[in-house]
Amino acid sequence: MTVADMKPAPAQPAGLAAVSRAVVATAADLISNVQRVVVGEENVRTARDNAWDAMLADRARNQARADLIREVAALVARRAPRGRKMTKTPQVVRG
């Protein structure tokens, strides 16, 4: 027998991996169909919807960060005059 006489073994389409993929695909289709029935076709979330919501959340976080930076800068700008003595603890006035 020579190398030329050898024939490749036929591919086995119904292997364990193929069965697993089929089960997962069927489950995903079932979940997708149930979602459409429960929430309605117009309310099904898409990747585009998720990306839009993530972008809006990023903008809101950036705006909150910018607002905080402005507030801290305003507090620093209003600090006590240099001529006044600053103490670590407040002095108690007894009268």
PDB file of N, CA and C in Angstrom:
ATOM      1  N   MET A   1       0.843  -1.172   0.000  1.00  0.00           N
ATOM      2  CA  MET A   1       0.000   0.000   0.000  1.00  0.00           C
ATOM      3  C   MET A   1       0.894   1.243   0.000  1.00  0.00           C
ATOM      4  N   THR A   2       0.602   2.158  -0.876  1.00  0.00           N
ATOM      5  CA  THR A   2       1.386   3.380  -0.960  1.00  0.00           C
ATOM      6  C   THR A   2       0.562   4.548  -0.452  1.00  0.00           C
ATOM      7  N   VAL A   3       1.212   5.670  -0.354  1.00  0.00           N
ATOM      8  CA  VAL A   3       0.529   6.876   0.101  1.00  0.00           C
ATOM      9  C   VAL A   3      -0.585   7.253  -0.860  1.00  0.00           C
ATOM     10  N   ALA A   4      -0.408   7.011  -2.121  1.00  0.00           N
ATOM     11  CA  ALA A   4      -1.409   7.336  -3.132  1.00  0.00           C
ATOM     12  C   ALA A   4      -2.653   6.474  -2.979  1.00  0.00           C
ATOM     13  N   ASP A   5      -2.507   5.267  -2.446  1.00  0.00           N
ATOM     14  CA  ASP A   5      -3.650   4.377  -2.278  1.00  0.00           C
ATOM     15  C   ASP A   5      -4.511   4.743  -1.067  1.00  0.00           C
ATOM     16  N   MET A   6      -3.985   5.504  -0.129  1.00  0.00           N
ATOM     17  CA  MET A   6      -4.732   5.853   1.084  1.00  0.00           C
ATOM     18  C   MET A   6      -5.776   6.911   0.777  1.00  0.00           C
ATOM     19  N   LYS A   7      -6.956   6.709   1.299  1.00  0.00           N
ATOM     20  CA  LYS A   7      -8.040   7.676   1.119  1.00  0.00           C
ATOM     21  C   LYS A   7      -8.349   8.303   2.474  1.00  0.00           C
ATOM     22  N   PRO A   8      -8.647   9.601   2.489  1.00  0.00           N
ATOM     23  CA  PRO A   8      -8.960  10.228   3.782  1.00  0.00           C
ATOM     24  C   PRO A   8     -10.265   9.675   4.342  1.00  0.00           C
ATOM     25  N   ALA A   9     -10.334   9.628   5.644  1.00  0.00           N
ATOM     26  CA  ALA A   9     -11.549   9.145   6.294  1.00  0.00           C
ATOM     27  C   ALA A   9     -12.663  10.166   6.081  1.00  0.00           C
ATOM     28  N   PRO A  10     -13.892   9.710   5.890  1.00  0.00           N
ATOM     29  CA  PRO A  10     -15.003  10.655   5.697  1.00  0.00           C
ATOM     30  C   PRO A  10     -15.260  11.449   6.971  1.00  0.00           C
ATOM     31  N   ALA A  11     -15.609  12.701   6.798  1.00  0.00           N
ATOM     32  CA  ALA A  11     -15.890  13.563   7.945  1.00  0.00           C
ATOM     33  C   ALA A  11     -17.162  13.098   8.623  1.00  0.00           C
ATOM     34  N   GLN A  12     -17.185  13.169   9.927  1.00  0.00           N
ATOM     35  CA  GLN A  12     -18.365  12.764  10.682  1.00  0.00           C
ATOM     36  C   GLN A  12     -19.105  14.018  11.130  1.00  0.00           C
ATOM     37  N   PRO A  13     -20.206  14.361  10.455  1.00  0.00           N
ATOM     38  CA  PRO A  13     -20.897  15.607  10.751  1.00  0.00           C
ATOM     39  C   PRO A  13     -21.649  15.594  12.083  1.00  0.00           C
ATOM     40  N   ALA A  14     -21.956  14.439  12.631  1.00  0.00           N
ATOM     41  CA  ALA A  14     -22.760  14.380  13.843  1.00  0.00           C
ATOM     42  C   ALA A  14     -21.899  14.115  15.072  1.00  0.00           C
ATOM     43  N   GLY A  15     -20.768  14.810  15.162  1.00  0.00           N
ATOM     44  CA  GLY A  15     -19.910  14.653  16.322  1.00  0.00           C
ATOM     45  C   GLY A  15     -20.470  15.389  17.527  1.00  0.00           C
ATOM     46  N   LEU A  16     -19.812  15.240  18.639  1.00  0.00           N
ATOM     47  CA  LEU A  16     -20.256  15.866  19.879  1.00  0.00           C
ATOM     48  C   LEU A  16     -20.280  17.395  19.765  1.00  0.00           C
ATOM     49  N   ALA A  17     -19.277  17.972  19.111  1.00  0.00           N
ATOM     50  CA  ALA A  17     -19.243  19.433  18.959  1.00  0.00           C
ATOM     51  C   ALA A  17     -20.412  19.926  18.106  1.00  0.00           C
ATOM     52  N   ALA A  18     -20.722  19.202  17.050  1.00  0.00           N
ATOM     53  CA  ALA A  18     -21.831  19.609  16.176  1.00  0.00           C
ATOM     54  C   ALA A  18     -23.158  19.528  16.921  1.00  0.00           C
ATOM     55  N   VAL A  19     -23.322  18.507  17.723  1.00  0.00           N
ATOM     56  CA  VAL A  19     -24.549  18.364  18.503  1.00  0.00           C
ATOM     57  C   VAL A  19     -24.652  19.491  19.530  1.00  0.00           C
ATOM     58  N   SER A  20     -23.546  19.806  20.188  1.00  0.00           N
ATOM     59  CA  SER A  20     -23.539  20.898  21.171  1.00  0.00           C
ATOM     60  C   SER A  20     -23.904  22.227  20.528  1.00  0.00           C
ATOM     61  N   ARG A  21     -23.328  22.495  19.357  1.00  0.00           N
ATOM     62  CA  ARG A  21     -23.643  23.744  18.655  1.00  0.00           C
ATOM     63  C   ARG A  21     -25.114  23.799  18.277  1.00  0.00           C
ATOM     64  N   ALA A  22     -25.660  22.672  17.854  1.00  0.00           N
ATOM     65  CA  ALA A  22     -27.077  22.633  17.469  1.00  0.00           C
ATOM     66  C   ALA A  22     -27.972  22.898  18.673  1.00  0.00           C
ATOM     67  N   VAL A  23     -27.629  22.339  19.812  1.00  0.00           N
ATOM     68  CA  VAL A  23     -28.423  22.548  21.031  1.00  0.00           C
ATOM     69  C   VAL A  23     -28.371  24.014  21.461  1.00  0.00           C
ATOM     70  N   VAL A  24     -27.183  24.591  21.439  1.00  0.00           N
ATOM     71  CA  VAL A  24     -27.036  25.999  21.834  1.00  0.00           C
ATOM     72  C   VAL A  24     -27.784  26.907  20.863  1.00  0.00           C
ATOM     73  N   ALA A  25     -27.691  26.657  19.575  1.00  0.00           N
ATOM     74  CA  ALA A  25     -28.389  27.480  18.585  1.00  0.00           C
ATOM     75  C   ALA A  25     -29.899  27.388  18.767  1.00  0.00           C
ATOM     76  N   THR A  26     -30.393  26.187  19.029  1.00  0.00           N
ATOM     77  CA  THR A  26     -31.832  26.002  19.233  1.00  0.00           C
ATOM     78  C   THR A  26     -32.293  26.722  20.496  1.00  0.00           C
ATOM     79  N   ALA A  27     -31.508  26.640  21.562  1.00  0.00           N
ATOM     80  CA  ALA A  27     -31.853  27.329  22.809  1.00  0.00           C
ATOM     81  C   ALA A  27     -31.854  28.837  22.608  1.00  0.00           C
ATOM     82  N   ALA A  28     -30.890  29.359  21.863  1.00  0.00           N
ATOM     83  CA  ALA A  28     -30.836  30.804  21.614  1.00  0.00           C
ATOM     84  C   ALA A  28     -32.051  31.253  20.804  1.00  0.00           C
ATOM     85  N   ASP A  29     -32.443  30.474  19.814  1.00  0.00           N
ATOM     86  CA  ASP A  29     -33.637  30.799  19.029  1.00  0.00           C
ATOM     87  C   ASP A  29     -34.888  30.784  19.900  1.00  0.00           C
ATOM     88  N   LEU A  30     -34.986  29.800  20.774  1.00  0.00           N
ATOM     89  CA  LEU A  30     -36.138  29.700  21.665  1.00  0.00           C
ATOM     90  C   LEU A  30     -36.221  30.904  22.597  1.00  0.00           C
ATOM     91  N   ILE A  31     -35.095  31.276  23.187  1.00  0.00           N
ATOM     92  CA  ILE A  31     -35.067  32.436  24.093  1.00  0.00           C
ATOM     93  C   ILE A  31     -35.427  33.708  23.339  1.00  0.00           C
ATOM     94  N   SER A  32     -34.902  33.857  22.139  1.00  0.00           N
ATOM     95  CA  SER A  32     -35.207  35.031  21.328  1.00  0.00           C
ATOM     96  C   SER A  32     -36.692  35.108  21.004  1.00  0.00           C
ATOM     97  N   ASN A  33     -37.285  33.987  20.641  1.00  0.00           N
ATOM     98  CA  ASN A  33     -38.719  33.971  20.320  1.00  0.00           C
ATOM     99  C   ASN A  33     -39.582  34.252  21.544  1.00  0.00           C
ATOM    100  N   VAL A  34     -39.192  33.703  22.687  1.00  0.00           N
ATOM    101  CA  VAL A  34     -39.942  33.961  23.926  1.00  0.00           C
ATOM    102  C   VAL A  34     -39.864  35.446  24.274  1.00  0.00           C
ATOM    103  N   GLN A  35     -38.691  36.050  24.120  1.00  0.00           N
ATOM    104  CA  GLN A  35     -38.538  37.479  24.407  1.00  0.00           C
ATOM    105  C   GLN A  35     -39.455  38.307  23.504  1.00  0.00           C
ATOM    106  N   ARG A  36     -39.511  37.973  22.235  1.00  0.00           N
ATOM    107  CA  ARG A  36     -40.374  38.714  21.306  1.00  0.00           C
ATOM    108  C   ARG A  36     -41.842  38.610  21.703  1.00  0.00           C
ATOM    109  N   VAL A  37     -42.251  37.425  22.152  1.00  0.00           N
ATOM    110  CA  VAL A  37     -43.641  37.231  22.555  1.00  0.00           C
ATOM    111  C   VAL A  37     -43.944  37.997  23.836  1.00  0.00           C
ATOM    112  N   VAL A  38     -43.028  37.975  24.792  1.00  0.00           N
ATOM    113  CA  VAL A  38     -43.268  38.588  26.101  1.00  0.00           C
ATOM    114  C   VAL A  38     -43.231  40.109  26.032  1.00  0.00           C
ATOM    115  N   VAL A  39     -42.201  40.675  25.426  1.00  0.00           N
ATOM    116  CA  VAL A  39     -42.043  42.134  25.438  1.00  0.00           C
ATOM    117  C   VAL A  39     -42.531  42.810  24.168  1.00  0.00           C
ATOM    118  N   GLY A  40     -42.794  42.057  23.139  1.00  0.00           N
ATOM    119  CA  GLY A  40     -43.240  42.646  21.882  1.00  0.00           C
ATOM    120  C   GLY A  40     -42.071  42.884  20.944  1.00  0.00           C
ATOM    121  N   GLU A  41     -42.353  42.806  19.657  1.00  0.00           N
ATOM    122  CA  GLU A  41     -41.305  42.938  18.638  1.00  0.00           C
ATOM    123  C   GLU A  41     -40.586  44.289  18.718  1.00  0.00           C
ATOM    124  N   GLU A  42     -41.329  45.363  19.005  1.00  0.00           N
ATOM    125  CA  GLU A  42     -40.717  46.706  19.019  1.00  0.00           C
ATOM    126  C   GLU A  42     -39.869  46.964  20.252  1.00  0.00           C
ATOM    127  N   ASN A  43     -40.000  46.142  21.298  1.00  0.00           N
ATOM    128  CA  ASN A  43     -39.246  46.361  22.537  1.00  0.00           C
ATOM    129  C   ASN A  43     -38.078  45.405  22.717  1.00  0.00           C
ATOM    130  N   VAL A  44     -37.747  44.624  21.716  1.00  0.00           N
ATOM    131  CA  VAL A  44     -36.628  43.687  21.819  1.00  0.00           C
ATOM    132  C   VAL A  44     -35.328  44.485  21.774  1.00  0.00           C
ATOM    133  N   ARG A  45     -34.461  44.231  22.754  1.00  0.00           N
ATOM    134  CA  ARG A  45     -33.176  44.939  22.817  1.00  0.00           C
ATOM    135  C   ARG A  45     -32.245  44.439  21.723  1.00  0.00           C
ATOM    136  N   THR A  46     -31.492  45.368  21.148  1.00  0.00           N
ATOM    137  CA  THR A  46     -30.514  45.012  20.129  1.00  0.00           C
ATOM    138  C   THR A  46     -29.147  45.487  20.582  1.00  0.00           C
ATOM    139  N   ALA A  47     -28.134  45.069  19.878  1.00  0.00           N
ATOM    140  CA  ALA A  47     -26.775  45.511  20.189  1.00  0.00           C
ATOM    141  C   ALA A  47     -26.672  47.028  20.019  1.00  0.00           C
ATOM    142  N   ARG A  48     -27.381  47.564  19.038  1.00  0.00           N
ATOM    143  CA  ARG A  48     -27.369  49.014  18.820  1.00  0.00           C
ATOM    144  C   ARG A  48     -27.979  49.742  20.019  1.00  0.00           C
ATOM    145  N   ASP A  49     -29.084  49.211  20.548  1.00  0.00           N
ATOM    146  CA  ASP A  49     -29.699  49.817  21.736  1.00  0.00           C
ATOM    147  C   ASP A  49     -28.746  49.780  22.929  1.00  0.00           C
ATOM    148  N   ASN A  50     -28.090  48.650  23.120  1.00  0.00           N
ATOM    149  CA  ASN A  50     -27.143  48.521  24.225  1.00  0.00           C
ATOM    150  C   ASN A  50     -25.981  49.495  24.070  1.00  0.00           C
ATOM    151  N   ALA A  51     -25.470  49.641  22.855  1.00  0.00           N
ATOM    152  CA  ALA A  51     -24.363  50.570  22.613  1.00  0.00           C
ATOM    153  C   ALA A  51     -24.798  52.008  22.863  1.00  0.00           C
ATOM    154  N   TRP A  52     -26.007  52.363  22.453  1.00  0.00           N
ATOM    155  CA  TRP A  52     -26.524  53.714  22.670  1.00  0.00           C
ATOM    156  C   TRP A  52     -26.644  54.009  24.161  1.00  0.00           C
ATOM    157  N   ASP A  53     -27.197  53.062  24.919  1.00  0.00           N
ATOM    158  CA  ASP A  53     -27.332  53.250  26.360  1.00  0.00           C
ATOM    159  C   ASP A  53     -25.967  53.374  27.038  1.00  0.00           C
ATOM    160  N   ALA A  54     -25.002  52.589  26.594  1.00  0.00           N
ATOM    161  CA  ALA A  54     -23.649  52.677  27.154  1.00  0.00           C
ATOM    162  C   ALA A  54     -23.024  54.031  26.853  1.00  0.00           C
ATOM    163  N   MET A  55     -23.251  54.552  25.650  1.00  0.00           N
ATOM    164  CA  MET A  55     -22.702  55.857  25.297  1.00  0.00           C
ATOM    165  C   MET A  55     -23.334  56.957  26.154  1.00  0.00           C
ATOM    166  N   LEU A  56     -24.647  56.875  26.369  1.00  0.00           N
ATOM    167  CA  LEU A  56     -25.315  57.867  27.214  1.00  0.00           C
ATOM    168  C   LEU A  56     -24.816  57.799  28.653  1.00  0.00           C
ATOM    169  N   ALA A  57     -24.581  56.593  29.154  1.00  0.00           N
ATOM    170  CA  ALA A  57     -24.044  56.439  30.509  1.00  0.00           C
ATOM    171  C   ALA A  57     -22.640  57.029  30.604  1.00  0.00           C
ATOM    172  N   ASP A  58     -21.815  56.830  29.575  1.00  0.00           N
ATOM    173  CA  ASP A  58     -20.466  57.417  29.560  1.00  0.00           C
ATOM    174  C   ASP A  58     -20.543  58.937  29.575  1.00  0.00           C
ATOM    175  N   ARG A  59     -21.439  59.495  28.792  1.00  0.00           N
ATOM    176  CA  ARG A  59     -21.594  60.956  28.783  1.00  0.00           C
ATOM    177  C   ARG A  59     -22.020  61.474  30.144  1.00  0.00           C
ATOM    178  N   ALA A  60     -22.945  60.774  30.796  1.00  0.00           N
ATOM    179  CA  ALA A  60     -23.419  61.205  32.112  1.00  0.00           C
ATOM    180  C   ALA A  60     -22.286  61.139  33.133  1.00  0.00           C
ATOM    181  N   ARG A  61     -21.472  60.074  33.105  1.00  0.00           N
ATOM    182  CA  ARG A  61     -20.333  59.970  34.024  1.00  0.00           C
ATOM    183  C   ARG A  61     -19.328  61.080  33.769  1.00  0.00           C
ATOM    184  N   ASN A  62     -19.043  61.365  32.512  1.00  0.00           N
ATOM    185  CA  ASN A  62     -18.093  62.431  32.187  1.00  0.00           C
ATOM    186  C   ASN A  62     -18.626  63.792  32.631  1.00  0.00           C
ATOM    187  N   GLN A  63     -19.925  64.026  32.481  1.00  0.00           N
ATOM    188  CA  GLN A  63     -20.516  65.287  32.923  1.00  0.00           C
ATOM    189  C   GLN A  63     -20.444  65.416  34.438  1.00  0.00           C
ATOM    190  N   ALA A  64     -20.730  64.332  35.149  1.00  0.00           N
ATOM    191  CA  ALA A  64     -20.649  64.357  36.614  1.00  0.00           C
ATOM    192  C   ALA A  64     -19.218  64.615  37.067  1.00  0.00           C
ATOM    193  N   ARG A  65     -18.242  64.014  36.390  1.00  0.00           N
ATOM    194  CA  ARG A  65     -16.835  64.229  36.728  1.00  0.00           C
ATOM    195  C   ARG A  65     -16.457  65.691  36.487  1.00  0.00           C
ATOM    196  N   ALA A  66     -16.897  66.257  35.374  1.00  0.00           N
ATOM    197  CA  ALA A  66     -16.588  67.658  35.066  1.00  0.00           C
ATOM    198  C   ALA A  66     -17.240  68.588  36.088  1.00  0.00           C
ATOM    199  N   ASP A  67     -18.474  68.292  36.495  1.00  0.00           N
ATOM    200  CA  ASP A  67     -19.150  69.103  37.509  1.00  0.00           C
ATOM    201  C   ASP A  67     -18.399  69.064  38.833  1.00  0.00           C
ATOM    202  N   LEU A  68     -17.936  67.879  39.221  1.00  0.00           N
ATOM    203  CA  LEU A  68     -17.190  67.747  40.472  1.00  0.00           C
ATOM    204  C   LEU A  68     -15.877  68.519  40.406  1.00  0.00           C
ATOM    205  N   ILE A  69     -15.195  68.454  39.278  1.00  0.00           N
ATOM    206  CA  ILE A  69     -13.932  69.191  39.119  1.00  0.00           C
ATOM    207  C   ILE A  69     -14.184  70.695  39.246  1.00  0.00           C
ATOM    208  N   ARG A  70     -15.278  71.189  38.634  1.00  0.00           N
ATOM    209  CA  ARG A  70     -15.600  72.611  38.755  1.00  0.00           C
ATOM    210  C   ARG A  70     -15.911  72.998  40.195  1.00  0.00           C
ATOM    211  N   GLU A  71     -16.639  72.152  40.914  1.00  0.00           N
ATOM    212  CA  GLU A  71     -16.969  72.439  42.316  1.00  0.00           C
ATOM    213  C   GLU A  71     -15.716  72.487  43.182  1.00  0.00           C
ATOM    214  N   VAL A  72     -14.816  71.544  42.992  1.00  0.00           N
ATOM    215  CA  VAL A  72     -13.575  71.526  43.769  1.00  0.00           C
ATOM    216  C   VAL A  72     -12.742  72.755  43.438  1.00  0.00           C
ATOM    217  N   ALA A  73     -12.684  73.138  42.183  1.00  0.00           N
ATOM    218  CA  ALA A  73     -11.921  74.331  41.797  1.00  0.00           C
ATOM    219  C   ALA A  73     -12.518  75.574  42.440  1.00  0.00           C
ATOM    220  N   ALA A  74     -13.846  75.648  42.517  1.00  0.00           N
ATOM    221  CA  ALA A  74     -14.493  76.795  43.153  1.00  0.00           C
ATOM    222  C   ALA A  74     -14.197  76.820  44.646  1.00  0.00           C
ATOM    223  N   LEU A  75     -14.180  75.667  45.298  1.00  0.00           N
ATOM    224  CA  LEU A  75     -13.848  75.621  46.725  1.00  0.00           C
ATOM    225  C   LEU A  75     -12.411  76.051  46.978  1.00  0.00           C
ATOM    226  N   VAL A  76     -11.517  75.619  46.137  1.00  0.00           N
ATOM    227  CA  VAL A  76     -10.106  75.996  46.284  1.00  0.00           C
ATOM    228  C   VAL A  76      -9.948  77.496  46.071  1.00  0.00           C
ATOM    229  N   ALA A  77     -10.679  78.055  45.120  1.00  0.00           N
ATOM    230  CA  ALA A  77     -10.574  79.488  44.827  1.00  0.00           C
ATOM    231  C   ALA A  77     -11.114  80.330  45.979  1.00  0.00           C
ATOM    232  N   ARG A  78     -12.059  79.799  46.760  1.00  0.00           N
ATOM    233  CA  ARG A  78     -12.644  80.563  47.854  1.00  0.00           C
ATOM    234  C   ARG A  78     -11.975  80.310  49.192  1.00  0.00           C
ATOM    235  N   ARG A  79     -10.780  79.764  49.203  1.00  0.00           N
ATOM    236  CA  ARG A  79     -10.136  79.424  50.474  1.00  0.00           C
ATOM    237  C   ARG A  79      -9.862  80.680  51.284  1.00  0.00           C
ATOM    238  N   ALA A  80      -9.496  80.492  52.539  1.00  0.00           N
ATOM    239  CA  ALA A  80      -9.298  81.601  53.485  1.00  0.00           C
ATOM    240  C   ALA A  80      -8.162  82.517  53.028  1.00  0.00           C
ATOM    241  N   PRO A  81      -8.262  83.815  53.371  1.00  0.00           N
ATOM    242  CA  PRO A  81      -7.177  84.750  53.028  1.00  0.00           C
ATOM    243  C   PRO A  81      -5.871  84.336  53.705  1.00  0.00           C
ATOM    244  N   ARG A  82      -4.760  84.728  53.122  1.00  0.00           N
ATOM    245  CA  ARG A  82      -3.450  84.301  53.637  1.00  0.00           C
ATOM    246  C   ARG A  82      -3.096  84.936  54.977  1.00  0.00           C
ATOM    247  N   GLY A  83      -3.653  86.095  55.299  1.00  0.00           N
ATOM    248  CA  GLY A  83      -3.310  86.783  56.547  1.00  0.00           C
ATOM    249  C   GLY A  83      -3.928  86.130  57.770  1.00  0.00           C
ATOM    250  N   ARG A  84      -4.946  85.357  57.607  1.00  0.00           N
ATOM    251  CA  ARG A  84      -5.633  84.734  58.734  1.00  0.00           C
ATOM    252  C   ARG A  84      -4.919  83.464  59.154  1.00  0.00           C
ATOM    253  N   LYS A  85      -4.753  83.272  60.451  1.00  0.00           N
ATOM    254  CA  LYS A  85      -4.066  82.101  60.958  1.00  0.00           C
ATOM    255  C   LYS A  85      -5.006  80.901  60.879  1.00  0.00           C
ATOM    256  N   MET A  86      -4.512  79.839  60.303  1.00  0.00           N
ATOM    257  CA  MET A  86      -5.295  78.626  60.186  1.00  0.00           C
ATOM    258  C   MET A  86      -4.863  77.658  61.283  1.00  0.00           C
ATOM    259  N   THR A  87      -5.817  77.103  62.013  1.00  0.00           N
ATOM    260  CA  THR A  87      -5.505  76.117  63.043  1.00  0.00           C
ATOM    261  C   THR A  87      -6.014  74.772  62.609  1.00  0.00           C
ATOM    262  N   LYS A  88      -5.452  73.733  63.200  1.00  0.00           N
ATOM    263  CA  LYS A  88      -5.863  72.393  62.839  1.00  0.00           C
ATOM    264  C   LYS A  88      -7.226  72.050  63.436  1.00  0.00           C
ATOM    265  N   THR A  89      -7.494  72.529  64.631  1.00  0.00           N
ATOM    266  CA  THR A  89      -8.776  72.259  65.261  1.00  0.00           C
ATOM    267  C   THR A  89      -9.469  73.582  65.535  1.00  0.00           C
ATOM    268  N   PRO A  90     -10.783  73.597  65.525  1.00  0.00           N
ATOM    269  CA  PRO A  90     -11.487  74.855  65.804  1.00  0.00           C
ATOM    270  C   PRO A  90     -11.323  75.248  67.277  1.00  0.00           C
ATOM    271  N   GLN A  91     -11.234  76.542  67.480  1.00  0.00           N
ATOM    272  CA  GLN A  91     -11.095  77.041  68.855  1.00  0.00           C
ATOM    273  C   GLN A  91     -12.479  77.179  69.481  1.00  0.00           C
ATOM    274  N   VAL A  92     -12.544  76.765  70.752  1.00  0.00           N
ATOM    275  CA  VAL A  92     -13.798  76.849  71.465  1.00  0.00           C
ATOM    276  C   VAL A  92     -13.858  78.208  72.170  1.00  0.00           C
ATOM    277  N   VAL A  93     -14.932  78.950  71.927  1.00  0.00           N
ATOM    278  CA  VAL A  93     -15.114  80.255  72.557  1.00  0.00           C
ATOM    279  C   VAL A  93     -16.063  80.061  73.723  1.00  0.00           C
ATOM    280  N   ARG A  94     -15.595  80.390  74.921  1.00  0.00           N
ATOM    281  CA  ARG A  94     -16.439  80.260  76.102  1.00  0.00           C
ATOM    282  C   ARG A  94     -16.827  81.656  76.570  1.00  0.00           C
ATOM    283  N   GLY A  95     -18.066  81.830  76.851  1.00  0.00           N
ATOM    284  CA  GLY A  95     -18.446  83.173  77.196  1.00  0.00           C
ATOM    285  C   GLY A  95     -19.339  83.341  78.314  1.00  0.00           C
TER     286      GLY A  95
END
